Amino acid sequence: MTSNRAPVLQFIGAARTVTGSKSLLDLPGGRVLVDCGLYQGRKKLRLANWQPFPVDPATIDAVVLTHAHIDHCGYLPRLVKLGFDGPVWCTPGTAELVRILLPDSAHLQEEEAAYANRRGYSKHDPALPLYTDADAQAAIELLRPAGFGETVTVRPGIDVTWHRAGHILGAAFVRVGLRESDTTVVFSGDLGRPTHPLLLPPDPIGAADVLVVESTYGETEHLELDADGVIADVVNDAASCGGVVVVPAFAVDRTEVVLWHLDQLVATGRVPSIPVFVDSPMASRALDFYRGEARRGSPEIRPELHGRELFPALDIVETRSTDESKALNTRRGPMVIVSASGMATGGRVVHHLANRLGDSRNTVLLAGFQAPGTRGDQLRSGATKLKMLGRYVPVRANVVSLELSSHADRSELLDWIGTADAPQIAYVNHGEVDAAVALADAIETERRLPAVVPQPGERVRLNGT
């Protein structure tokens, strides 16, 4: 319970950066945390995951999740480790994916700590994981699903409703109604695109007094590139010279979008059918979920895909075990390896990059946003060598960057904001500084709505805004 007399919104994470989403509603009736994400990318940000939480986690009454990406849910096990034991509210799809992602995240952190201890390249002795599988399982036990359009009273006087965001399966923007101050706050989470090949577009906002909106692409318009043409060129080049295409891809949704494009190309004969390896246990489980939702005709999936098997033209091999993954390092091309993580910050893709970057026949296809400081960003920026697994690896492989983003761009964000009924202010977060400032400026000039880019940790009153 908090002693605040006025409702306050605090931007604990993702203020002026893309990852680590955490927004705290510090209210007279309790504390509610909207999203609980892990910082990723630059070392300074990753170290922030280890900093003390700004309030005692035991005083937080509930967590509300917008979706299951690690930068929105990946801090949950740490929060539980530090004393949080309240409910974690989310859509059923998000709950399903969180059950997949959190144990995998814990495993990767335990594995990385163990590897650092074996190789002795950590500054800490011993290197410890941020949290363990036991912490992840404890967080999963707190999940409480709520359907789209359903309103849940998460604390007396605090009502939350989830609406389709079209970003990944289960993704929502959330409407939080604060009865005592008669204020409605809408959190965008990560907003999807109207053109997503598998998912339906975001719902309109409707009633809202305060908007908290992401700005990943706040200064960028997604170019109408021929994505199929770019991928076709990469795959055909690999097929002609026996090369390997390594695709760092987020395990949830980005993997499916990459496979959708590959499937269209094979089905139409634009590329040959070469083996496609999905090398991520987490991605394989998410792939199972997407396939199942298409078969059952989920209301989030585009109607034309209802009752169908996804990616029927592809020769997909899922390498779920560590030994199967290691065996890929000795396999010759041509082949495609789709592996997590999407920004090459960790996971099995790091081993594939370490093994394949030195060969000019190979290609790294970067299929989405690369946060500053990540290995993906370094590759995109033309790095000639890359540090991974404690050593430097020369970059001789081709590097091709392609935006297959599931994030709305500047115009799409502004269009969505335009569906709000008479909002009073917008807070722009979850974006790098330039992107957030650019979107805030556009909101003020094009939507004539006051917009603020909050500082990390900044607190703002919600009544009287």
Protein backbone atom coordinates (compact mmCIF):
# COMPACT_ATOMS: atom_id res chain seq x y z
CA MET A 1 0.00 0.00 0.00
CA THR A 2 1.24 3.48 -0.83
CA SER A 3 0.85 6.66 1.16
CA ASN A 4 0.43 8.90 -1.92
CA ARG A 5 -2.64 11.16 -1.75
CA ALA A 6 -2.70 11.74 -5.51
CA PRO A 7 -2.42 9.17 -8.31
CA VAL A 8 1.08 9.15 -9.78
CA LEU A 9 2.57 7.49 -12.85
CA GLN A 10 6.29 6.67 -12.63
CA PHE A 11 8.39 5.71 -15.66
CA ILE A 12 10.66 3.10 -14.12
CA GLY A 13 11.83 1.50 -17.36
CA ALA A 14 11.97 2.12 -21.14
CA ALA A 15 12.10 5.90 -20.68
CA ARG A 16 14.29 7.22 -23.51
CA THR A 17 15.34 3.71 -24.49
CA VAL A 18 13.71 0.78 -26.25
CA THR A 19 13.84 -2.00 -23.67
CA GLY A 20 13.00 -2.61 -20.02
CA SER A 21 9.36 -1.47 -20.09
CA LYS A 22 8.02 -0.81 -16.58
CA SER A 23 5.40 1.83 -15.71
CA LEU A 24 4.28 2.13 -12.09
CA LEU A 25 0.84 3.40 -11.15
CA ASP A 26 1.40 4.61 -7.59
CA LEU A 27 -2.11 5.21 -6.31
CA PRO A 28 -3.90 5.90 -3.04
CA GLY A 29 -5.47 2.45 -3.34
CA GLY A 30 -2.34 0.50 -4.20
CA ARG A 31 0.51 0.02 -6.64
CA VAL A 32 0.09 -1.55 -10.08
CA LEU A 33 3.03 -2.17 -12.41
CA VAL A 34 2.24 -2.12 -16.13
CA ASP A 35 4.78 -4.38 -17.85
CA CYS A 36 7.86 -5.79 -16.18
CA GLY A 37 10.50 -5.94 -18.88
CA LEU A 38 14.18 -6.76 -19.00
CA TYR A 39 16.71 -4.24 -20.27
CA GLN A 40 18.61 -5.45 -23.31
CA GLY A 41 21.32 -4.05 -25.57
CA ARG A 42 24.13 -1.83 -24.33
CA LYS A 43 26.10 -3.01 -21.31
CA LYS A 44 24.99 0.04 -19.31
CA LEU A 45 21.37 -0.98 -19.85
CA ARG A 46 21.96 -4.65 -19.06
CA LEU A 47 23.63 -3.63 -15.81
CA ALA A 48 20.47 -1.68 -14.92
CA ASN A 49 18.71 -5.04 -14.52
CA TRP A 50 20.85 -5.55 -11.41
CA GLN A 51 20.04 -2.19 -9.82
CA PRO A 52 17.73 -2.05 -6.76
CA PHE A 53 14.07 -1.68 -7.75
CA PRO A 54 12.86 1.88 -7.01
CA VAL A 55 10.06 0.67 -4.72
CA ASP A 56 9.84 -2.40 -2.53
CA PRO A 57 8.45 -5.11 -4.87
CA ALA A 58 6.48 -6.54 -1.94
CA THR A 59 4.37 -3.35 -1.94
CA ILE A 60 3.22 -3.83 -5.55
CA ASP A 61 -0.32 -5.21 -5.57
CA ALA A 62 -0.48 -6.47 -9.16
CA VAL A 63 1.38 -6.56 -12.47
CA VAL A 64 -0.44 -6.01 -15.76
CA LEU A 65 1.28 -7.24 -18.93
CA THR A 66 0.69 -5.95 -22.44
CA HIS A 67 2.48 -8.85 -24.13
CA ALA A 68 5.09 -11.57 -23.76
CA HIS A 69 8.27 -10.17 -25.30
CA ILE A 70 11.16 -10.34 -22.84
CA ASP A 71 11.60 -6.55 -22.78
CA HIS A 72 8.04 -6.40 -21.40
CA CYS A 73 7.87 -9.49 -19.17
CA GLY A 74 11.44 -10.72 -18.66
CA TYR A 75 12.05 -8.96 -15.33
CA LEU A 76 9.13 -10.77 -13.65
CA PRO A 77 11.25 -13.58 -12.11
CA ARG A 78 13.62 -10.98 -10.67
CA LEU A 79 10.66 -9.04 -9.22
CA VAL A 80 9.40 -12.25 -7.62
CA LYS A 81 12.88 -13.02 -6.31
CA LEU A 82 12.86 -9.57 -4.67
CA GLY A 83 9.53 -10.13 -2.92
CA PHE A 84 6.59 -9.56 -5.29
CA ASP A 85 3.88 -12.21 -4.86
CA GLY A 86 0.74 -10.60 -6.32
CA PRO A 87 -1.24 -11.58 -9.43
CA VAL A 88 0.15 -11.02 -12.94
CA TRP A 89 -2.76 -10.18 -15.24
CA CYS A 90 -2.52 -10.69 -19.02
CA THR A 91 -4.38 -12.16 -22.00
CA PRO A 92 -4.51 -15.96 -22.39
CA GLY A 93 -2.16 -15.76 -25.39
CA THR A 94 0.35 -13.76 -23.40
CA ALA A 95 0.12 -16.23 -20.53
CA GLU A 96 0.80 -19.09 -22.92
CA LEU A 97 3.87 -17.38 -24.37
CA VAL A 98 5.18 -16.22 -20.98
CA ARG A 99 5.15 -19.87 -19.90
CA ILE A 100 7.46 -20.51 -22.85
CA LEU A 101 9.70 -17.45 -22.67
CA LEU A 102 10.50 -17.07 -18.97
CA PRO A 103 12.01 -20.55 -18.41
CA ASP A 104 14.03 -20.12 -21.58
CA SER A 105 15.24 -16.71 -20.44
CA ALA A 106 16.25 -18.16 -17.09
CA HIS A 107 18.03 -21.05 -18.78
CA LEU A 108 19.98 -18.69 -21.02
CA GLN A 109 21.07 -16.61 -18.06
CA GLU A 110 22.10 -19.65 -16.04
CA GLU A 111 23.91 -21.04 -19.08
CA GLU A 112 25.73 -17.77 -19.76
CA ALA A 113 26.84 -17.48 -16.12
CA ALA A 114 28.09 -21.08 -16.15
CA TYR A 115 29.95 -20.51 -19.43
CA ALA A 116 31.55 -17.33 -18.08
CA ASN A 117 32.69 -19.23 -15.01
CA ARG A 118 34.18 -22.02 -17.11
CA ARG A 119 36.00 -19.61 -19.44
CA GLY A 120 36.87 -17.07 -16.76
CA TYR A 121 35.92 -13.95 -18.74
CA SER A 122 33.49 -12.47 -16.19
CA LYS A 123 34.58 -9.71 -13.84
CA HIS A 124 32.58 -11.44 -11.10
CA ASP A 125 33.68 -14.57 -9.29
CA PRO A 126 31.50 -16.45 -9.50
CA ALA A 127 29.29 -15.04 -12.25
CA LEU A 128 25.63 -15.36 -11.22
CA PRO A 129 22.45 -15.34 -13.27
CA LEU A 130 19.97 -12.52 -12.75
CA TYR A 131 17.42 -15.20 -11.88
CA THR A 132 17.01 -18.95 -12.06
CA ASP A 133 14.50 -21.39 -13.50
CA ALA A 134 12.95 -21.70 -10.04
CA ASP A 135 12.35 -17.93 -10.03
CA ALA A 136 10.78 -18.16 -13.48
CA GLN A 137 8.48 -20.98 -12.39
CA ALA A 138 7.44 -18.97 -9.34
CA ALA A 139 6.54 -16.04 -11.60
CA ILE A 140 4.53 -18.28 -13.92
CA GLU A 141 2.44 -19.46 -10.98
CA LEU A 142 1.22 -15.87 -10.54
CA LEU A 143 -0.27 -15.55 -14.06
CA ARG A 144 -3.97 -14.70 -14.21
CA PRO A 145 -5.46 -14.69 -17.77
CA ALA A 146 -8.12 -12.21 -18.91
CA GLY A 147 -9.64 -12.13 -22.38
CA PHE A 148 -9.71 -9.29 -24.89
CA GLY A 149 -12.52 -6.90 -23.98
CA GLU A 150 -12.73 -8.27 -20.45
CA THR A 151 -12.51 -5.81 -17.56
CA VAL A 152 -10.80 -6.92 -14.37
CA THR A 153 -10.72 -5.03 -11.08
CA VAL A 154 -7.08 -5.64 -10.19
CA ARG A 155 -7.44 -3.58 -6.99
CA PRO A 156 -10.52 -1.86 -5.60
CA GLY A 157 -11.07 1.19 -7.78
CA ILE A 158 -8.58 0.09 -10.47
CA ASP A 159 -10.16 -1.50 -13.56
CA VAL A 160 -8.12 -2.90 -16.46
CA THR A 161 -9.31 -3.88 -19.94
CA TRP A 162 -7.22 -5.50 -22.70
CA HIS A 163 -7.62 -4.63 -26.40
CA ARG A 164 -5.96 -6.20 -29.45
CA ALA A 165 -2.60 -4.59 -30.35
CA GLY A 166 -1.70 -6.79 -33.38
CA HIS A 167 1.98 -7.01 -32.41
CA ILE A 168 2.34 -10.70 -31.50
CA LEU A 169 -0.19 -13.31 -30.44
CA GLY A 170 -1.76 -12.20 -27.17
CA ALA A 171 -0.45 -8.62 -27.47
CA ALA A 172 -2.73 -5.93 -26.09
CA PHE A 173 -2.91 -2.29 -25.29
CA VAL A 174 -4.46 -1.85 -21.86
CA ARG A 175 -7.01 0.64 -20.59
CA VAL A 176 -6.67 1.38 -16.88
CA GLY A 177 -9.62 3.11 -15.26
CA LEU A 178 -8.94 4.91 -11.98
CA ARG A 179 -12.33 5.35 -10.37
CA GLU A 180 -11.34 7.68 -7.53
CA SER A 181 -9.83 10.29 -9.84
CA ASP A 182 -12.14 9.49 -12.77
CA THR A 183 -9.10 9.09 -15.04
CA THR A 184 -8.50 6.63 -17.87
CA VAL A 185 -4.90 5.79 -18.78
CA VAL A 186 -4.16 3.79 -21.94
CA PHE A 187 -0.81 2.00 -22.32
CA SER A 188 0.01 1.03 -25.90
CA GLY A 189 2.49 -1.71 -25.07
CA ASP A 190 4.05 -2.48 -28.45
CA LEU A 191 1.69 -1.60 -31.26
CA GLY A 192 1.53 -3.82 -34.32
CA ARG A 193 1.17 -2.96 -38.00
CA PRO A 194 -2.00 -3.11 -40.08
CA THR A 195 0.00 -5.11 -42.66
CA HIS A 196 1.12 -7.96 -40.39
CA PRO A 197 0.85 -11.10 -42.58
CA LEU A 198 -0.58 -13.31 -39.82
CA LEU A 199 -2.34 -11.07 -37.30
CA LEU A 200 -5.26 -8.68 -37.42
CA PRO A 201 -4.52 -4.95 -36.91
CA PRO A 202 -4.78 -3.05 -33.62
CA ASP A 203 -8.16 -2.02 -32.23
CA PRO A 204 -9.00 1.72 -32.01
CA ILE A 205 -8.40 3.38 -28.64
CA GLY A 206 -11.69 5.00 -27.77
CA ALA A 207 -11.98 6.74 -24.40
CA ALA A 208 -8.69 7.93 -22.88
CA ASP A 209 -7.49 10.82 -20.75
CA VAL A 210 -3.80 9.90 -20.73
CA LEU A 211 -1.88 7.97 -23.40
CA VAL A 212 1.41 6.18 -22.78
CA VAL A 213 2.68 5.26 -26.22
CA GLU A 214 5.70 3.39 -27.51
CA SER A 215 8.05 5.07 -30.00
CA THR A 216 10.36 2.33 -31.30
CA TYR A 217 9.92 3.72 -34.82
CA GLY A 218 8.77 7.18 -33.75
CA GLU A 219 10.94 8.95 -36.34
CA THR A 220 10.79 6.31 -39.07
CA GLU A 221 8.44 5.34 -41.86
CA HIS A 222 8.73 1.70 -42.85
CA LEU A 223 9.86 1.76 -46.45
CA GLU A 224 7.74 -0.17 -48.89
CA LEU A 225 10.64 -2.47 -49.74
CA ASP A 226 10.27 -5.67 -51.69
CA ALA A 227 10.98 -7.91 -48.71
CA ASP A 228 10.40 -11.04 -50.76
CA GLY A 229 12.87 -9.78 -53.36
CA VAL A 230 15.59 -9.12 -50.76
CA ILE A 231 15.12 -12.51 -49.12
CA ALA A 232 14.99 -14.24 -52.51
CA ASP A 233 18.34 -12.72 -53.50
CA VAL A 234 19.93 -13.81 -50.22
CA VAL A 235 18.61 -17.37 -50.42
CA ASN A 236 19.43 -17.79 -54.11
CA ASP A 237 22.98 -16.58 -53.52
CA ALA A 238 23.38 -19.08 -50.70
CA ALA A 239 21.95 -21.87 -52.83
CA SER A 240 24.33 -21.12 -55.69
CA CYS A 241 27.53 -21.20 -53.62
CA GLY A 242 26.66 -23.58 -50.81
CA GLY A 243 26.39 -20.77 -48.29
CA VAL A 244 24.55 -20.52 -45.00
CA VAL A 245 22.01 -17.79 -44.22
CA VAL A 246 21.91 -17.02 -40.51
CA VAL A 247 18.82 -15.09 -39.42
CA PRO A 248 18.88 -13.73 -35.87
CA ALA A 249 15.17 -13.58 -35.11
CA PHE A 250 13.07 -13.00 -32.04
CA ALA A 251 11.65 -16.34 -30.98
CA VAL A 252 8.08 -15.06 -30.90
CA ASP A 253 6.45 -13.68 -34.06
CA ARG A 254 9.58 -12.57 -35.95
CA THR A 255 10.46 -16.22 -36.57
CA GLU A 256 6.94 -16.80 -37.90
CA VAL A 257 7.09 -13.73 -40.16
CA VAL A 258 10.46 -14.83 -41.60
CA LEU A 259 9.05 -18.31 -42.23
CA TRP A 260 5.94 -16.81 -43.86
CA HIS A 261 8.10 -14.94 -46.40
CA LEU A 262 10.27 -17.99 -47.07
CA ASP A 263 7.16 -20.13 -47.51
CA GLN A 264 5.71 -17.72 -50.10
CA LEU A 265 8.99 -17.71 -52.04
CA VAL A 266 9.30 -21.49 -52.14
CA ALA A 267 5.62 -21.96 -52.99
CA THR A 268 5.91 -19.60 -55.97
CA GLY A 269 9.22 -21.09 -57.17
CA ARG A 270 11.25 -17.93 -56.62
CA VAL A 271 13.76 -19.78 -54.45
CA PRO A 272 14.72 -23.45 -54.26
CA SER A 273 13.60 -25.59 -51.36
CA ILE A 274 16.66 -25.78 -49.12
CA PRO A 275 16.64 -26.91 -45.47
CA VAL A 276 15.38 -24.31 -43.02
CA PHE A 277 16.49 -24.92 -39.44
CA VAL A 278 14.61 -23.29 -36.57
CA ASP A 279 17.26 -23.50 -33.87
CA SER A 280 15.67 -22.29 -30.66
CA PRO A 281 13.62 -24.40 -28.26
CA MET A 282 11.69 -21.26 -27.34
CA ALA A 283 11.01 -20.45 -31.00
CA SER A 284 9.87 -24.02 -31.63
CA ARG A 285 7.37 -23.87 -28.79
CA ALA A 286 6.12 -20.48 -29.98
CA LEU A 287 5.87 -21.90 -33.50
CA ASP A 288 3.69 -24.72 -32.17
CA PHE A 289 1.45 -22.12 -30.53
CA TYR A 290 1.08 -20.05 -33.73
CA ARG A 291 0.32 -23.17 -35.76
CA GLY A 292 -2.31 -24.26 -33.25
CA GLU A 293 -3.96 -20.83 -33.19
CA ALA A 294 -4.21 -20.80 -36.99
CA ARG A 295 -5.73 -24.28 -37.03
CA ARG A 296 -8.37 -23.38 -34.45
CA GLY A 297 -9.19 -20.06 -36.12
CA SER A 298 -8.09 -17.71 -33.35
CA PRO A 299 -9.79 -14.30 -33.56
CA GLU A 300 -6.32 -12.73 -33.54
CA ILE A 301 -5.27 -14.59 -36.71
CA ARG A 302 -6.26 -13.26 -40.15
CA PRO A 303 -9.42 -15.07 -41.29
CA GLU A 304 -7.86 -16.36 -44.54
CA LEU A 305 -5.46 -18.46 -42.43
CA HIS A 306 -8.12 -20.05 -40.23
CA GLY A 307 -8.07 -23.82 -40.33
CA ARG A 308 -4.84 -23.92 -42.35
CA GLU A 309 -1.40 -25.34 -41.70
CA LEU A 310 1.21 -22.59 -41.65
CA PHE A 311 4.32 -22.73 -43.86
CA PRO A 312 3.43 -25.93 -45.82
CA ALA A 313 5.98 -25.35 -48.61
CA LEU A 314 9.03 -25.27 -46.32
CA ASP A 315 11.40 -28.05 -45.35
CA ILE A 316 11.55 -26.97 -41.68
CA VAL A 317 13.78 -28.85 -39.24
CA GLU A 318 13.43 -27.88 -35.59
CA THR A 319 16.60 -28.48 -33.59
CA ARG A 320 15.37 -28.63 -30.02
CA SER A 321 18.32 -30.27 -28.26
CA THR A 322 21.76 -28.79 -27.63
CA ASP A 323 23.43 -31.64 -29.50
CA GLU A 324 21.22 -31.01 -32.55
CA SER A 325 22.14 -27.35 -32.44
CA LYS A 326 25.87 -28.08 -32.19
CA ALA A 327 25.61 -30.47 -35.13
CA LEU A 328 24.61 -27.54 -37.35
CA ASN A 329 28.12 -26.12 -36.91
CA THR A 330 29.56 -29.03 -38.88
CA ARG A 331 26.87 -29.03 -41.56
CA ARG A 332 27.57 -27.49 -44.96
CA GLY A 333 25.21 -25.27 -46.88
CA PRO A 334 23.11 -24.36 -48.57
CA MET A 335 20.71 -23.89 -45.68
CA VAL A 336 18.94 -21.26 -43.63
CA ILE A 337 19.32 -21.09 -39.84
CA VAL A 338 16.70 -19.03 -38.00
CA SER A 339 17.78 -18.66 -34.39
CA ALA A 340 17.27 -16.42 -31.36
CA SER A 341 17.98 -13.86 -30.17
CA GLY A 342 16.84 -11.25 -32.66
CA MET A 343 19.56 -8.72 -31.80
CA ALA A 344 22.22 -11.41 -31.26
CA THR A 345 22.53 -10.48 -27.59
CA GLY A 346 22.52 -14.11 -26.47
CA GLY A 347 21.17 -17.57 -27.21
CA ARG A 348 22.14 -20.11 -29.82
CA VAL A 349 22.47 -17.59 -32.65
CA VAL A 350 25.66 -16.28 -31.03
CA HIS A 351 27.32 -19.67 -31.55
CA HIS A 352 26.13 -19.77 -35.18
CA LEU A 353 27.48 -16.30 -35.82
CA ALA A 354 30.80 -17.19 -34.21
CA ASN A 355 30.97 -20.23 -36.50
CA ARG A 356 29.75 -18.64 -39.76
CA LEU A 357 30.84 -14.98 -39.79
CA GLY A 358 34.35 -15.77 -41.02
CA ASP A 359 33.18 -17.27 -44.33
CA SER A 360 32.37 -14.92 -47.24
CA ARG A 361 29.93 -17.44 -48.74
CA ASN A 362 27.59 -16.93 -45.81
CA THR A 363 25.07 -14.17 -45.15
CA VAL A 364 23.63 -12.72 -41.96
CA LEU A 365 20.08 -11.47 -42.55
CA LEU A 366 19.07 -8.93 -39.89
CA ALA A 367 15.29 -9.04 -39.90
CA GLY A 368 14.25 -6.26 -37.56
CA PHE A 369 15.10 -3.54 -35.08
CA GLN A 370 18.64 -3.66 -33.65
CA ALA A 371 19.01 -1.69 -30.43
CA PRO A 372 22.14 0.45 -30.17
CA GLY A 373 25.05 -1.45 -28.70
CA THR A 374 23.82 -4.93 -29.60
CA ARG A 375 25.80 -7.29 -31.82
CA GLY A 376 23.06 -6.94 -34.43
CA ASP A 377 23.52 -3.18 -34.42
CA GLN A 378 27.29 -3.57 -34.77
CA LEU A 379 26.84 -5.89 -37.75
CA ARG A 380 24.34 -3.54 -39.36
CA SER A 381 26.80 -0.67 -38.86
CA GLY A 382 29.59 -2.48 -40.73
CA ALA A 383 31.70 -3.98 -37.94
CA THR A 384 34.71 -5.88 -39.27
CA LYS A 385 35.05 -7.96 -36.12
CA LEU A 386 32.67 -8.89 -33.35
CA LYS A 387 33.31 -9.96 -29.79
CA MET A 388 31.38 -13.02 -28.70
CA LEU A 389 31.94 -15.86 -26.29
CA GLY A 390 35.00 -14.07 -24.92
CA ARG A 391 36.86 -13.68 -28.23
CA TYR A 392 36.85 -11.55 -31.39
CA VAL A 393 35.54 -13.06 -34.62
CA PRO A 394 36.29 -11.51 -38.05
CA VAL A 395 33.27 -10.52 -40.13
CA ARG A 396 33.72 -11.75 -43.70
CA ALA A 397 30.13 -12.88 -44.27
CA ASN A 398 27.69 -10.63 -46.11
CA VAL A 399 25.34 -8.66 -43.86
CA VAL A 400 21.90 -7.73 -45.18
CA SER A 401 19.47 -5.64 -43.15
CA LEU A 402 15.73 -5.88 -43.74
CA GLU A 403 12.92 -4.41 -41.66
CA LEU A 404 10.35 -7.10 -41.04
CA SER A 405 9.15 -5.15 -38.06
CA SER A 406 6.01 -5.95 -36.11
CA HIS A 407 6.11 -2.41 -34.67
CA ALA A 408 3.97 0.40 -36.03
CA ASP A 409 5.93 3.16 -37.73
CA ARG A 410 5.56 6.91 -37.20
CA SER A 411 2.46 7.34 -39.38
CA GLU A 412 0.80 4.21 -38.02
CA LEU A 413 1.39 5.35 -34.43
CA LEU A 414 -0.08 8.77 -35.23
CA ASP A 415 -3.08 7.16 -36.94
CA TRP A 416 -3.69 4.99 -33.88
CA ILE A 417 -3.38 7.96 -31.51
CA GLY A 418 -5.99 9.66 -33.68
CA THR A 419 -8.53 7.00 -32.66
CA ALA A 420 -8.50 8.25 -29.03
CA ASP A 421 -11.49 10.25 -27.78
CA ALA A 422 -10.32 13.66 -26.47
CA PRO A 423 -7.09 12.66 -24.68
CA GLN A 424 -5.43 15.35 -22.55
CA ILE A 425 -1.76 14.34 -22.84
CA ALA A 426 0.55 11.70 -24.30
CA TYR A 427 3.68 10.33 -22.66
CA VAL A 428 6.10 8.91 -25.21
CA ASN A 429 8.36 6.08 -24.04
CA HIS A 430 9.87 2.79 -25.23
CA GLY A 431 12.04 4.43 -27.85
CA GLU A 432 15.53 5.79 -28.27
CA VAL A 433 15.74 9.52 -27.49
CA ASP A 434 15.66 10.78 -31.09
CA ALA A 435 12.72 8.54 -31.97
CA ALA A 436 10.75 9.48 -28.85
CA VAL A 437 11.35 13.21 -29.30
CA ALA A 438 10.41 13.04 -32.99
CA LEU A 439 7.15 11.27 -32.21
CA ALA A 440 6.32 13.68 -29.39
CA ASP A 441 6.85 16.61 -31.77
CA ALA A 442 4.63 14.96 -34.38
CA ILE A 443 1.89 14.29 -31.82
CA GLU A 444 1.88 17.97 -30.89
CA THR A 445 1.94 19.31 -34.44
CA GLU A 446 -0.25 16.73 -36.19
CA ARG A 447 -2.57 15.62 -33.41
CA ARG A 448 -2.50 18.91 -31.47
CA LEU A 449 -2.06 16.96 -28.26
CA PRO A 450 0.51 17.87 -25.57
CA ALA A 451 3.25 15.23 -25.58
CA VAL A 452 6.12 14.61 -23.18
CA VAL A 453 9.17 12.35 -23.35
CA PRO A 454 9.65 11.43 -19.68
CA GLN A 455 13.00 11.09 -17.99
CA PRO A 456 13.97 7.71 -16.47
CA GLY A 457 12.33 7.46 -13.07
CA GLU A 458 10.20 10.59 -13.59
CA ARG A 459 6.93 10.79 -11.67
CA VAL A 460 3.85 12.66 -12.96
CA ARG A 461 0.46 13.27 -11.37
CA LEU A 462 -2.51 11.79 -13.16
CA ASN A 463 -5.34 13.87 -11.72
CA GLY A 464 -5.76 17.34 -13.13
CA THR A 465 -3.69 16.54 -16.25
